[in-house]
């Protein structure tokens, strides 16, 4: 496998990993007000692809954040206990938005590398044809 194909494989694995991360961040943001919802975390892992001879990034299994859930006082809520409290979510919107911005920028950087590698490969083919 040539170096261009290896570079494309690595960047495409990064694109896929960041897209998965963004999907779970969007789920966390949309469920920030869902009672009992636990934030989802997506770990990244390095995987060596022997067939291609490159190390690629993959997402591990989704984990739930085990930090304590916010206690919300609302005696009229159907899930409230005898004292008027219920378990909210452990999603912090500021953290989720910052993580989403970081994932988006990483995705864009991988996309730029992918585009540049493709352009370099195309230019090389043009040179070889002459």
Protein backbone atom coordinates (compact mmCIF):
# COMPACT_ATOMS: atom_id res chain seq x y z
CA UNK A 1 0.00 0.00 0.00
CA UNK A 2 1.43 3.39 -0.94
CA UNK A 3 1.92 6.28 1.43
CA UNK A 4 -1.03 8.23 0.03
CA UNK A 5 -3.41 5.36 0.71
CA UNK A 6 -2.03 4.98 4.23
CA UNK A 7 -2.52 8.69 4.92
CA UNK A 8 -6.08 8.52 3.61
CA UNK A 9 -6.78 5.50 5.83
CA UNK A 10 -5.50 7.25 8.93
CA UNK A 11 -7.40 10.47 8.27
CA UNK A 12 -10.60 8.64 7.42
CA UNK A 13 -10.40 6.76 10.73
CA UNK A 14 -10.00 10.12 12.49
CA UNK A 15 -13.02 11.50 10.64
CA UNK A 16 -15.12 8.52 11.64
CA UNK A 17 -14.01 8.70 15.30
CA UNK A 18 -14.76 12.42 15.59
CA UNK A 19 -18.15 11.97 13.88
CA UNK A 20 -19.04 9.30 16.45
CA UNK A 21 -17.91 11.60 19.25
CA UNK A 22 -20.01 14.47 17.87
CA UNK A 23 -23.07 12.22 17.65
CA UNK A 24 -22.80 11.28 21.33
CA UNK A 25 -22.14 14.88 22.35
CA UNK A 26 -25.34 15.88 20.54
CA UNK A 27 -27.22 13.16 22.44
CA UNK A 28 -25.83 14.49 25.71
CA UNK A 29 -26.88 18.05 24.87
CA UNK A 30 -30.37 17.02 23.81
CA UNK A 31 -30.87 15.01 27.01
CA UNK A 32 -29.46 17.60 29.43
CA UNK A 33 -32.91 18.08 31.01
CA UNK A 34 -33.90 14.40 31.00
CA UNK A 35 -34.28 13.12 34.59
CA UNK A 36 -31.80 10.37 35.43
CA UNK A 37 -29.80 10.75 32.20
CA UNK A 38 -26.09 10.01 32.47
CA UNK A 39 -23.58 11.69 30.20
CA UNK A 40 -22.06 9.41 27.53
CA UNK A 41 -18.29 9.36 27.08
CA UNK A 42 -16.53 8.08 23.95
CA UNK A 43 -12.93 6.93 24.50
CA UNK A 44 -10.46 6.82 21.60
CA UNK A 45 -8.17 3.85 21.11
CA UNK A 46 -5.24 3.17 18.82
CA UNK A 47 -5.66 0.15 16.58
CA UNK A 48 -2.90 -1.22 14.38
CA UNK A 49 -4.13 -2.35 10.99
CA UNK A 50 -1.62 -5.01 9.89
CA UNK A 51 -3.10 -5.23 6.39
CA UNK A 52 -2.41 -1.55 5.76
CA UNK A 53 0.60 -1.23 8.03
CA UNK A 54 -0.71 1.83 9.90
CA UNK A 55 -2.03 2.73 13.31
CA UNK A 56 -5.54 4.11 13.17
CA UNK A 57 -7.87 5.67 15.70
CA UNK A 58 -11.04 3.87 16.75
CA UNK A 59 -13.72 4.60 19.29
CA UNK A 60 -14.01 2.29 22.26
CA UNK A 61 -17.27 1.21 23.78
CA UNK A 62 -19.44 4.07 25.02
CA UNK A 63 -19.16 4.63 28.76
CA UNK A 64 -21.58 6.35 31.09
CA UNK A 65 -20.30 9.11 33.36
CA UNK A 66 -20.73 7.81 36.90
CA UNK A 67 -20.56 11.21 38.60
CA UNK A 68 -23.44 12.05 40.88
CA UNK A 69 -26.69 13.18 39.36
CA UNK A 70 -27.96 16.65 40.15
CA UNK A 71 -30.69 16.68 42.81
CA UNK A 72 -33.55 18.89 41.64
CA UNK A 73 -36.23 20.25 43.96
CA UNK A 74 -39.65 20.20 42.33
CA UNK A 75 -42.40 18.69 44.50
CA UNK A 76 -44.85 18.80 41.58
CA UNK A 77 -42.66 16.60 39.36
CA UNK A 78 -44.03 13.04 38.94
CA UNK A 79 -40.62 11.53 39.77
CA UNK A 80 -40.16 13.55 42.98
CA UNK A 81 -39.65 11.63 46.20
CA UNK A 82 -41.35 12.40 49.51
CA UNK A 83 -39.05 15.40 50.09
CA UNK A 84 -39.80 16.88 46.64
CA UNK A 85 -36.47 15.99 45.01
CA UNK A 86 -35.68 13.93 41.92
CA UNK A 87 -32.46 12.99 40.12
CA UNK A 88 -31.66 15.26 37.20
CA UNK A 89 -28.88 14.60 34.70
CA UNK A 90 -25.12 14.97 35.10
CA UNK A 91 -24.71 16.82 31.79
CA UNK A 92 -22.95 20.19 31.99
CA UNK A 93 -23.84 22.13 28.85
CA UNK A 94 -20.67 24.24 28.94
CA UNK A 95 -18.48 21.13 28.96
CA UNK A 96 -20.51 19.50 26.20
CA UNK A 97 -20.34 22.60 24.00
CA UNK A 98 -16.59 22.92 24.54
CA UNK A 99 -16.10 19.22 23.72
CA UNK A 100 -18.28 19.61 20.62
CA UNK A 101 -16.21 22.56 19.43
CA UNK A 102 -13.00 20.57 19.97
CA UNK A 103 -14.41 17.56 18.11
CA UNK A 104 -15.59 19.77 15.25
CA UNK A 105 -12.16 21.36 14.88
CA UNK A 106 -10.46 17.97 14.98
CA UNK A 107 -12.88 16.75 12.31
CA UNK A 108 -12.11 19.78 10.14
CA UNK A 109 -8.34 19.27 10.58
CA UNK A 110 -8.65 15.62 9.52
CA UNK A 111 -10.72 16.69 6.54
CA UNK A 112 -8.05 19.20 5.48
CA UNK A 113 -5.36 16.51 5.68
CA UNK A 114 -7.58 14.19 3.63
CA UNK A 115 -8.11 16.86 0.97
CA UNK A 116 -4.42 17.78 0.82
CA UNK A 117 -3.39 14.14 0.49
CA UNK A 118 -5.88 13.66 -2.32
CA UNK A 119 -4.59 16.78 -4.10
CA UNK A 120 -0.99 15.65 -3.73
CA UNK A 121 -1.83 12.25 -5.15
CA UNK A 122 -3.64 13.83 -8.08
CA UNK A 123 -0.74 16.19 -8.76
CA UNK A 124 1.72 13.29 -8.69
CA UNK A 125 -0.38 11.41 -11.22
CA UNK A 126 -0.43 14.48 -13.48
CA UNK A 127 3.36 14.77 -13.28
CA UNK A 128 3.82 11.08 -14.06
CA UNK A 129 1.58 11.35 -17.14
CA UNK A 130 3.76 14.06 -18.71
